[in-house]
Amino acid sequence: MKIEEAIVYVMVKRNGGMTTEQIAETINRNHLHVRKDGNLVTSSQVYAVICRFPEMFTKEAGRIMLMI
């Protein structure tokens, strides 16, 4: 699954705000997204995706929340 799909999946299951570290950890733990280079998803990568999709995600008080 694409990383943005994995982020949405994690956030729907959680039903609340999460930090980028928590999102990355959950994606890696459940093997929801595999990077092309085989490395684990990082919180920086999650943050970059969230910034790329402002219509889907919002950042408030250090937590990422789903807008859809």
N, C-alpha and C. Protein backbone atom coordinates (compact mmCIF):
# COMPACT_ATOMS: atom_id res chain seq x y z
N MET A 1 0.85 -1.18 0.00
CA MET A 1 0.00 0.00 0.00
C MET A 1 0.89 1.24 0.00
N LYS A 2 0.42 2.29 -0.60
CA LYS A 2 1.17 3.55 -0.61
C LYS A 2 1.25 4.09 0.81
N ILE A 3 2.27 4.91 1.06
CA ILE A 3 2.46 5.41 2.42
C ILE A 3 1.29 6.28 2.87
N GLU A 4 0.73 7.08 1.98
CA GLU A 4 -0.40 7.92 2.38
C GLU A 4 -1.61 7.06 2.74
N GLU A 5 -1.79 5.94 2.04
CA GLU A 5 -2.87 5.01 2.38
C GLU A 5 -2.62 4.36 3.74
N ALA A 6 -1.37 4.02 4.00
CA ALA A 6 -1.01 3.43 5.29
C ALA A 6 -1.26 4.40 6.42
N ILE A 7 -0.93 5.67 6.22
CA ILE A 7 -1.16 6.69 7.25
C ILE A 7 -2.65 6.81 7.54
N VAL A 8 -3.47 6.89 6.50
CA VAL A 8 -4.92 6.99 6.69
C VAL A 8 -5.44 5.75 7.42
N TYR A 9 -4.99 4.58 7.03
CA TYR A 9 -5.41 3.33 7.67
C TYR A 9 -5.11 3.35 9.17
N VAL A 10 -3.88 3.74 9.50
CA VAL A 10 -3.46 3.79 10.91
C VAL A 10 -4.31 4.79 11.69
N MET A 11 -4.56 5.94 11.10
CA MET A 11 -5.28 6.99 11.80
C MET A 11 -6.76 6.64 11.97
N VAL A 12 -7.35 5.96 11.01
CA VAL A 12 -8.75 5.54 11.14
C VAL A 12 -8.87 4.51 12.26
N LYS A 13 -7.93 3.58 12.32
CA LYS A 13 -7.95 2.56 13.37
C LYS A 13 -7.75 3.17 14.75
N ARG A 14 -6.93 4.21 14.82
CA ARG A 14 -6.60 4.85 16.10
C ARG A 14 -7.73 5.76 16.58
N ASN A 15 -8.40 6.43 15.64
CA ASN A 15 -9.49 7.34 15.96
C ASN A 15 -9.06 8.45 16.91
N GLY A 16 -8.01 9.15 16.54
CA GLY A 16 -7.53 10.27 17.33
C GLY A 16 -6.20 10.75 16.81
N GLY A 17 -5.71 11.85 17.32
CA GLY A 17 -4.45 12.40 16.87
C GLY A 17 -3.26 11.54 17.28
N MET A 18 -2.25 11.56 16.43
CA MET A 18 -1.02 10.81 16.70
C MET A 18 0.18 11.66 16.29
N THR A 19 1.32 11.38 16.87
CA THR A 19 2.56 12.03 16.45
C THR A 19 3.09 11.29 15.22
N THR A 20 3.98 11.95 14.49
CA THR A 20 4.57 11.29 13.32
C THR A 20 5.37 10.06 13.74
N GLU A 21 5.98 10.10 14.91
CA GLU A 21 6.73 8.95 15.41
C GLU A 21 5.80 7.76 15.65
N GLN A 22 4.65 8.02 16.26
CA GLN A 22 3.68 6.95 16.52
C GLN A 22 3.15 6.35 15.22
N ILE A 23 2.90 7.22 14.24
CA ILE A 23 2.39 6.74 12.95
C ILE A 23 3.43 5.85 12.27
N ALA A 24 4.68 6.33 12.21
CA ALA A 24 5.75 5.56 11.57
C ALA A 24 5.95 4.22 12.28
N GLU A 25 5.94 4.23 13.60
CA GLU A 25 6.12 3.01 14.37
C GLU A 25 5.01 2.00 14.08
N THR A 26 3.78 2.45 14.00
CA THR A 26 2.64 1.57 13.72
C THR A 26 2.71 1.01 12.31
N ILE A 27 3.06 1.85 11.35
CA ILE A 27 3.21 1.38 9.96
C ILE A 27 4.28 0.30 9.88
N ASN A 28 5.42 0.53 10.53
CA ASN A 28 6.51 -0.44 10.49
C ASN A 28 6.15 -1.73 11.22
N ARG A 29 5.52 -1.61 12.37
CA ARG A 29 5.17 -2.78 13.18
C ARG A 29 4.21 -3.71 12.43
N ASN A 30 3.28 -3.10 11.68
CA ASN A 30 2.27 -3.88 10.96
C ASN A 30 2.62 -4.13 9.50
N HIS A 31 3.81 -3.69 9.08
CA HIS A 31 4.29 -3.89 7.70
C HIS A 31 3.27 -3.38 6.67
N LEU A 32 2.77 -2.18 6.91
CA LEU A 32 1.76 -1.61 6.03
C LEU A 32 2.35 -0.97 4.78
N HIS A 33 3.60 -0.55 4.85
CA HIS A 33 4.28 0.07 3.70
C HIS A 33 5.74 -0.37 3.72
N VAL A 34 6.22 -0.79 2.57
CA VAL A 34 7.62 -1.18 2.43
C VAL A 34 8.29 -0.21 1.47
N ARG A 35 9.32 0.45 1.94
CA ARG A 35 10.06 1.38 1.09
C ARG A 35 10.82 0.62 0.02
N LYS A 36 11.08 1.28 -1.10
CA LYS A 36 11.81 0.65 -2.20
C LYS A 36 13.21 0.23 -1.79
N ASP A 37 13.82 0.98 -0.87
CA ASP A 37 15.19 0.65 -0.43
C ASP A 37 15.20 -0.36 0.71
N GLY A 38 14.03 -0.78 1.16
CA GLY A 38 13.94 -1.79 2.21
C GLY A 38 14.04 -1.26 3.62
N ASN A 39 14.33 0.02 3.79
CA ASN A 39 14.43 0.61 5.13
C ASN A 39 13.05 0.85 5.72
N LEU A 40 13.04 1.07 7.01
CA LEU A 40 11.79 1.36 7.72
C LEU A 40 11.30 2.77 7.41
N VAL A 41 10.01 2.98 7.51
CA VAL A 41 9.42 4.31 7.36
C VAL A 41 9.87 5.16 8.54
N THR A 42 10.26 6.41 8.26
CA THR A 42 10.70 7.31 9.32
C THR A 42 9.62 8.35 9.63
N SER A 43 9.76 8.98 10.78
CA SER A 43 8.80 10.04 11.14
C SER A 43 8.94 11.22 10.18
N SER A 44 10.14 11.47 9.68
CA SER A 44 10.35 12.55 8.70
C SER A 44 9.61 12.27 7.40
N GLN A 45 9.62 11.02 6.99
CA GLN A 45 8.90 10.64 5.78
C GLN A 45 7.40 10.81 5.98
N VAL A 46 6.89 10.41 7.13
CA VAL A 46 5.47 10.60 7.45
C VAL A 46 5.13 12.08 7.43
N TYR A 47 5.98 12.91 8.02
CA TYR A 47 5.73 14.36 8.05
C TYR A 47 5.69 14.94 6.63
N ALA A 48 6.61 14.48 5.76
CA ALA A 48 6.64 14.97 4.38
C ALA A 48 5.35 14.62 3.64
N VAL A 49 4.85 13.43 3.86
CA VAL A 49 3.60 13.01 3.22
C VAL A 49 2.44 13.85 3.73
N ILE A 50 2.41 14.09 5.02
CA ILE A 50 1.33 14.88 5.62
C ILE A 50 1.33 16.31 5.07
N CYS A 51 2.51 16.87 4.88
CA CYS A 51 2.61 18.21 4.30
C CYS A 51 2.18 18.23 2.84
N ARG A 52 2.37 17.11 2.14
CA ARG A 52 2.01 17.02 0.72
C ARG A 52 0.50 16.88 0.52
N PHE A 53 -0.23 16.48 1.55
CA PHE A 53 -1.67 16.28 1.45
C PHE A 53 -2.43 17.09 2.51
N PRO A 54 -2.39 18.43 2.42
CA PRO A 54 -3.05 19.25 3.45
C PRO A 54 -4.57 19.12 3.46
N GLU A 55 -5.15 18.60 2.37
CA GLU A 55 -6.60 18.40 2.35
C GLU A 55 -7.02 17.15 3.13
N MET A 56 -6.04 16.29 3.44
CA MET A 56 -6.34 15.05 4.16
C MET A 56 -5.94 15.09 5.63
N PHE A 57 -4.90 15.86 5.95
CA PHE A 57 -4.34 15.84 7.29
C PHE A 57 -4.20 17.26 7.83
N THR A 58 -4.28 17.38 9.16
CA THR A 58 -4.04 18.66 9.82
C THR A 58 -3.08 18.42 10.98
N LYS A 59 -2.33 19.46 11.32
CA LYS A 59 -1.37 19.38 12.42
C LYS A 59 -1.82 20.35 13.51
N GLU A 60 -2.04 19.83 14.70
CA GLU A 60 -2.44 20.67 15.82
C GLU A 60 -1.81 20.16 17.10
N ALA A 61 -1.19 21.04 17.82
CA ALA A 61 -0.60 20.73 19.13
C ALA A 61 0.33 19.53 19.08
N GLY A 62 1.14 19.45 18.02
CA GLY A 62 2.11 18.37 17.91
C GLY A 62 1.54 17.03 17.48
N ARG A 63 0.27 17.02 17.10
CA ARG A 63 -0.37 15.78 16.69
C ARG A 63 -0.94 15.93 15.29
N ILE A 64 -0.96 14.83 14.58
CA ILE A 64 -1.52 14.79 13.24
C ILE A 64 -2.93 14.22 13.36
N MET A 65 -3.86 14.86 12.64
CA MET A 65 -5.24 14.39 12.66
C MET A 65 -5.76 14.27 11.23
N LEU A 66 -6.66 13.36 11.06
CA LEU A 66 -7.28 13.08 9.77
C LEU A 66 -8.43 14.04 9.55
N MET A 67 -8.49 14.65 8.37
CA MET A 67 -9.57 15.59 8.07
C MET A 67 -10.68 14.95 7.24
N ILE A 68 -10.47 13.77 6.75
CA ILE A 68 -11.48 13.15 5.86
C ILE A 68 -12.25 12.09 6.61
